[in-house]
Amino acid sequence: MPFPRSTNLFCGMMLALVGLAGCAAPGPAALAQSPEAYDPYEPTNRDIFAFNQAVDRDVLRPVAEAYRSTLPEPVRNSVRNFLQNVDEPLIFAHDVLQAEPALAANTAGRFVVNSTIGVAGFFDVATAMGIPYHPNDFGVTLARWGFPEGAYLIIPVLGPSNVRDAIGKAGDSFGDPGNIVASNYNKIYASILRAGTEGIDERSRNIETLADIERTSLDYYATIRSLYRQRRAAQIRHEQDNLPNPAPIQGSDSPAPMSYTFTR
């Protein structure tokens, strides 16, 4: 039986990109980041930031609080483990594209162990076995290939980003195997449900931390901008960041319940 056209397209793109992976190893310039944020659209960004805060206050945070109060922690952890396991094939692709064989082997091992012993990923057996989770995405891949971050952006509802990461987010959305399967079988609602659940779960894990940052910040917008850039810089270097996610609604990309360490 022939594979759906979109699946063939995705596989073809991955094979072509894997062919480039050998020359994708980053030099120092590829990982450099300006100490000052390039924020030419700051007035507009601040307006969108204010809108996002209102949406978060009136909708996102109440939903996240209800999610956390309704489901016990073990259940929430199982949901998060499952969602991270679904993300592993795309993470593996980016590990390969970034010429990171150790990370790729780590991701493949996690996916096999958690998909089998971990019952479709609901239990993070791999972390207990010393195979920790690490996030990866197309924005990181573009950075490792030397693409500059571009202008800082605030995206409605989704929060802080930049031109490079916005392009990366769109690329991951179209290239994600789970989304491709859902599209091929006309189950778009499954992708929407998955993204929404990831965002709510991540927001529920950052409620107090982001509230504390907002309460103690002289300029909350500038603080979030700095936090976002620091966190992304650490992810691009594949280092443990220990920083809260300033864009939690964008989905789960931080380790839980155990932390990871990938230092150079």
Protein backbone atom coordinates (compact mmCIF):
# COMPACT_ATOMS: atom_id res chain seq x y z
CA MET A 1 0.00 0.00 0.00
CA PRO A 2 1.52 3.36 -0.99
CA PHE A 3 2.30 5.86 1.73
CA PRO A 4 0.32 9.12 1.83
CA ARG A 5 1.87 11.87 -0.24
CA SER A 6 2.57 14.13 2.73
CA THR A 7 4.42 11.31 4.49
CA ASN A 8 6.57 10.73 1.42
CA LEU A 9 7.28 14.44 1.22
CA PHE A 10 8.32 14.57 4.88
CA CYS A 11 10.57 11.52 4.54
CA GLY A 12 12.16 12.96 1.41
CA MET A 13 12.86 16.23 3.17
CA MET A 14 14.37 14.43 6.15
CA LEU A 15 16.63 12.32 3.93
CA ALA A 16 17.81 15.39 2.07
CA LEU A 17 18.48 17.24 5.30
CA VAL A 18 20.26 14.27 6.84
CA GLY A 19 22.60 14.40 3.86
CA LEU A 20 23.53 17.90 4.94
CA ALA A 21 24.03 16.95 8.57
CA GLY A 22 27.67 16.06 8.05
CA CYS A 23 28.47 19.67 7.27
CA ALA A 24 26.07 21.09 9.84
CA ALA A 25 28.44 21.07 12.80
CA PRO A 26 28.42 24.59 14.24
CA GLY A 27 31.34 26.91 14.52
CA PRO A 28 31.62 29.58 17.23
CA ALA A 29 29.80 32.17 15.11
CA ALA A 30 26.77 29.93 14.75
CA LEU A 31 26.24 29.83 18.50
CA ALA A 32 26.95 33.48 19.17
CA GLN A 33 24.18 35.71 20.43
CA SER A 34 24.21 39.45 20.79
CA PRO A 35 24.04 40.49 24.45
CA GLU A 36 21.40 43.08 23.52
CA ALA A 37 18.04 42.05 22.15
CA TYR A 38 17.18 43.29 18.67
CA ASP A 39 13.67 44.55 19.29
CA PRO A 40 12.77 47.02 16.50
CA TYR A 41 9.04 46.36 16.96
CA GLU A 42 9.03 46.99 20.70
CA PRO A 43 5.95 49.28 20.79
CA THR A 44 3.87 46.73 18.90
CA ASN A 45 5.39 43.87 20.87
CA ARG A 46 4.44 45.57 24.12
CA ASP A 47 0.86 45.98 22.94
CA ILE A 48 0.64 42.30 22.03
CA PHE A 49 2.34 41.43 25.32
CA ALA A 50 -0.37 43.33 27.21
CA PHE A 51 -3.03 41.48 25.21
CA ASN A 52 -1.37 38.15 25.99
CA GLN A 53 -1.29 38.99 29.69
CA ALA A 54 -5.03 39.65 29.62
CA VAL A 55 -5.68 36.35 27.82
CA ASP A 56 -3.44 34.56 30.28
CA ARG A 57 -5.14 36.17 33.29
CA ASP A 58 -8.69 35.55 32.09
CA VAL A 59 -8.37 32.23 30.25
CA LEU A 60 -5.05 30.37 30.24
CA ARG A 61 -4.09 30.58 33.88
CA PRO A 62 -7.58 29.63 35.18
CA VAL A 63 -7.63 26.63 32.85
CA ALA A 64 -4.12 25.64 33.95
CA GLU A 65 -5.09 25.98 37.61
CA ALA A 66 -8.19 23.85 37.05
CA TYR A 67 -6.07 21.25 35.23
CA ARG A 68 -3.63 21.11 38.12
CA SER A 69 -6.31 20.98 40.81
CA THR A 70 -8.42 18.37 39.01
CA LEU A 71 -5.72 15.88 38.03
CA PRO A 72 -3.35 14.46 40.66
CA GLU A 73 0.36 14.93 40.03
CA PRO A 74 1.07 11.31 38.96
CA VAL A 75 -1.62 11.61 36.28
CA ARG A 76 -0.25 14.96 35.07
CA ASN A 77 3.24 13.48 34.92
CA SER A 78 1.96 10.56 32.86
CA VAL A 79 0.24 12.95 30.44
CA ARG A 80 3.45 14.95 30.12
CA ASN A 81 5.54 11.81 29.65
CA PHE A 82 3.22 10.63 26.86
CA LEU A 83 3.34 14.00 25.08
CA GLN A 84 7.12 14.15 25.30
CA ASN A 85 7.35 10.62 23.93
CA VAL A 86 5.22 11.63 20.95
CA ASP A 87 7.68 14.48 20.36
CA GLU A 88 10.75 12.20 20.35
CA PRO A 89 10.77 11.33 16.59
CA LEU A 90 10.96 15.02 15.69
CA ILE A 91 13.60 15.62 18.37
CA PHE A 92 15.61 12.71 16.93
CA ALA A 93 15.45 14.27 13.45
CA HIS A 94 16.86 17.53 14.80
CA ASP A 95 19.56 15.72 16.78
CA VAL A 96 20.70 14.13 13.49
CA LEU A 97 20.44 17.38 11.52
CA GLN A 98 22.63 19.09 14.11
CA ALA A 99 25.29 16.35 13.82
CA GLU A 100 24.78 15.31 17.45
CA PRO A 101 25.07 11.48 17.36
CA ALA A 102 25.15 11.14 21.15
CA LEU A 103 21.92 13.08 21.52
CA ALA A 104 20.34 11.16 18.63
CA ALA A 105 21.22 7.84 20.27
CA ASN A 106 19.84 9.17 23.56
CA THR A 107 16.55 10.15 21.92
CA ALA A 108 16.19 6.88 20.02
CA GLY A 109 16.88 4.93 23.20
CA ARG A 110 14.28 6.92 25.11
CA PHE A 111 11.65 6.42 22.45
CA VAL A 112 12.18 2.65 22.28
CA VAL A 113 12.27 2.15 26.05
CA ASN A 114 9.35 4.42 26.89
CA SER A 115 7.20 3.21 23.98
CA THR A 116 7.56 -0.38 25.16
CA ILE A 117 8.41 -0.76 28.84
CA GLY A 118 6.93 2.66 29.53
CA VAL A 119 3.54 1.69 28.07
CA ALA A 120 3.36 4.03 25.05
CA GLY A 121 5.32 6.65 26.95
CA PHE A 122 2.99 7.18 29.90
CA PHE A 123 5.84 6.16 32.22
CA ASP A 124 9.30 7.69 31.86
CA VAL A 125 11.28 4.52 32.42
CA ALA A 126 14.15 5.85 30.29
CA THR A 127 14.99 8.67 32.70
CA ALA A 128 15.08 6.21 35.60
CA MET A 129 17.51 4.14 33.51
CA GLY A 130 19.81 7.13 33.03
CA ILE A 131 18.57 8.19 29.59
CA PRO A 132 17.32 11.74 30.26
CA TYR A 133 15.00 13.85 28.16
CA HIS A 134 16.25 16.86 26.22
CA PRO A 135 14.25 19.30 24.08
CA ASN A 136 15.14 20.10 20.47
CA ASP A 137 13.36 21.87 17.63
CA PHE A 138 13.81 23.44 14.21
CA GLY A 139 14.60 26.84 15.72
CA VAL A 140 17.60 25.26 17.46
CA THR A 141 18.58 23.50 14.24
CA LEU A 142 18.52 26.78 12.31
CA ALA A 143 20.65 28.38 15.03
CA ARG A 144 23.16 25.52 14.89
CA TRP A 145 23.33 25.99 11.12
CA GLY A 146 24.26 29.63 11.63
CA PHE A 147 20.99 31.45 11.01
CA PRO A 148 20.72 34.65 13.10
CA GLU A 149 17.85 34.98 15.54
CA GLY A 150 16.44 38.09 13.87
CA ALA A 151 14.05 40.51 15.48
CA TYR A 152 12.45 39.71 18.80
CA LEU A 153 8.73 39.06 18.46
CA ILE A 154 5.71 38.65 20.68
CA ILE A 155 3.23 36.33 19.00
CA PRO A 156 -0.43 36.68 19.98
CA VAL A 157 -1.33 34.08 22.65
CA LEU A 158 1.88 32.06 22.03
CA GLY A 159 4.18 34.65 23.59
CA PRO A 160 7.88 35.50 23.12
CA SER A 161 9.76 34.37 20.03
CA ASN A 162 11.99 35.72 17.29
CA VAL A 163 12.02 35.47 13.52
CA ARG A 164 14.18 32.34 13.51
CA ASP A 165 12.13 30.56 16.16
CA ALA A 166 8.82 31.56 14.55
CA ILE A 167 9.99 30.00 11.27
CA GLY A 168 11.19 26.98 13.20
CA LYS A 169 7.87 26.60 14.99
CA ALA A 170 6.01 26.66 11.67
CA GLY A 171 8.45 24.14 10.19
CA ASP A 172 8.01 21.78 13.12
CA SER A 173 4.25 22.05 12.88
CA PHE A 174 4.29 20.93 9.23
CA GLY A 175 7.09 18.38 9.65
CA ASP A 176 5.95 16.70 12.86
CA PRO A 177 5.14 13.02 12.13
CA GLY A 178 2.17 13.09 14.48
CA ASN A 179 0.68 16.09 12.70
CA ILE A 180 1.30 14.47 9.33
CA VAL A 181 -0.53 11.30 10.36
CA ALA A 182 -3.41 13.33 11.81
CA SER A 183 -3.67 15.34 8.60
CA ASN A 184 -3.55 12.27 6.36
CA TYR A 185 -6.44 10.71 8.28
CA ASN A 186 -8.41 13.98 8.58
CA LYS A 187 -7.91 14.06 12.34
CA ILE A 188 -6.71 17.65 12.66
CA TYR A 189 -8.52 17.88 15.98
CA ALA A 190 -5.98 15.41 17.38
CA SER A 191 -3.12 17.83 16.64
CA ILE A 192 -5.08 20.72 18.14
CA LEU A 193 -5.87 18.67 21.26
CA ARG A 194 -2.25 17.62 21.61
CA ALA A 195 -0.93 21.18 21.27
CA GLY A 196 -3.54 22.52 23.67
CA THR A 197 -2.80 19.87 26.27
CA GLU A 198 0.95 20.52 26.02
CA GLY A 199 0.38 24.24 26.48
CA ILE A 200 -1.97 23.83 29.45
CA ASP A 201 0.35 21.33 31.14
CA GLU A 202 3.37 23.58 30.66
CA ARG A 203 1.48 26.63 31.90
CA SER A 204 0.38 24.72 34.99
CA ARG A 205 4.03 24.06 35.84
CA ASN A 206 5.00 27.73 35.61
CA ILE A 207 2.17 29.43 37.50
CA GLU A 208 3.98 30.44 40.68
CA THR A 209 7.36 31.05 39.03
CA LEU A 210 6.03 33.45 36.42
CA ALA A 211 3.83 35.16 39.02
CA ASP A 212 6.90 35.74 41.22
CA ILE A 213 8.86 37.13 38.26
CA GLU A 214 6.03 39.49 37.36
CA ARG A 215 5.66 40.66 40.95
CA THR A 216 9.38 41.42 41.38
CA SER A 217 10.12 42.85 37.92
CA LEU A 218 10.43 46.57 37.33
CA ASP A 219 9.71 45.91 33.64
CA TYR A 220 8.03 42.54 33.17
CA TYR A 221 8.22 42.79 29.36
CA ALA A 222 12.00 43.31 29.43
CA THR A 223 12.46 40.56 32.01
CA ILE A 224 10.54 38.03 29.91
CA ARG A 225 12.50 39.07 26.82
CA SER A 226 15.79 38.49 28.62
CA LEU A 227 14.63 35.22 30.13
CA TYR A 228 13.45 33.91 26.77
CA ARG A 229 16.77 34.72 25.08
CA GLN A 230 18.82 33.19 27.91
CA ARG A 231 16.78 30.03 27.85
CA ARG A 232 16.98 29.65 24.10
CA ALA A 233 20.74 30.29 24.14
CA ALA A 234 21.16 27.45 26.64
CA GLN A 235 18.99 25.13 24.54
CA ILE A 236 20.99 25.94 21.42
CA ARG A 237 24.15 24.89 23.29
CA HIS A 238 22.32 21.81 24.62
CA GLU A 239 22.99 22.86 28.17
CA GLN A 240 20.75 22.55 31.21
CA ASP A 241 19.14 25.96 31.68
CA ASN A 242 17.19 25.68 34.97
CA LEU A 243 15.09 28.62 33.79
CA PRO A 244 11.27 28.79 33.77
CA ASN A 245 9.56 28.69 30.40
CA PRO A 246 8.46 32.26 29.58
CA ALA A 247 6.34 30.95 26.68
CA PRO A 248 4.66 27.96 28.33
CA ILE A 249 1.62 27.94 26.07
CA GLN A 250 3.88 27.01 23.14
CA GLY A 251 4.17 23.54 24.57
CA SER A 252 6.28 21.20 26.61
CA ASP A 253 10.00 21.50 26.07
CA SER A 254 11.44 21.17 29.53
CA PRO A 255 12.37 18.00 31.41
CA ALA A 256 10.04 16.45 33.95
CA PRO A 257 9.88 15.02 36.43
CA MET A 258 13.67 14.56 36.48
CA SER A 259 16.15 17.06 35.07
CA TYR A 260 18.78 16.52 32.40
CA THR A 261 22.35 17.68 32.04
CA PHE A 262 24.03 18.01 28.66
CA THR A 263 27.07 20.20 29.20
CA ARG A 264 30.09 20.74 27.02
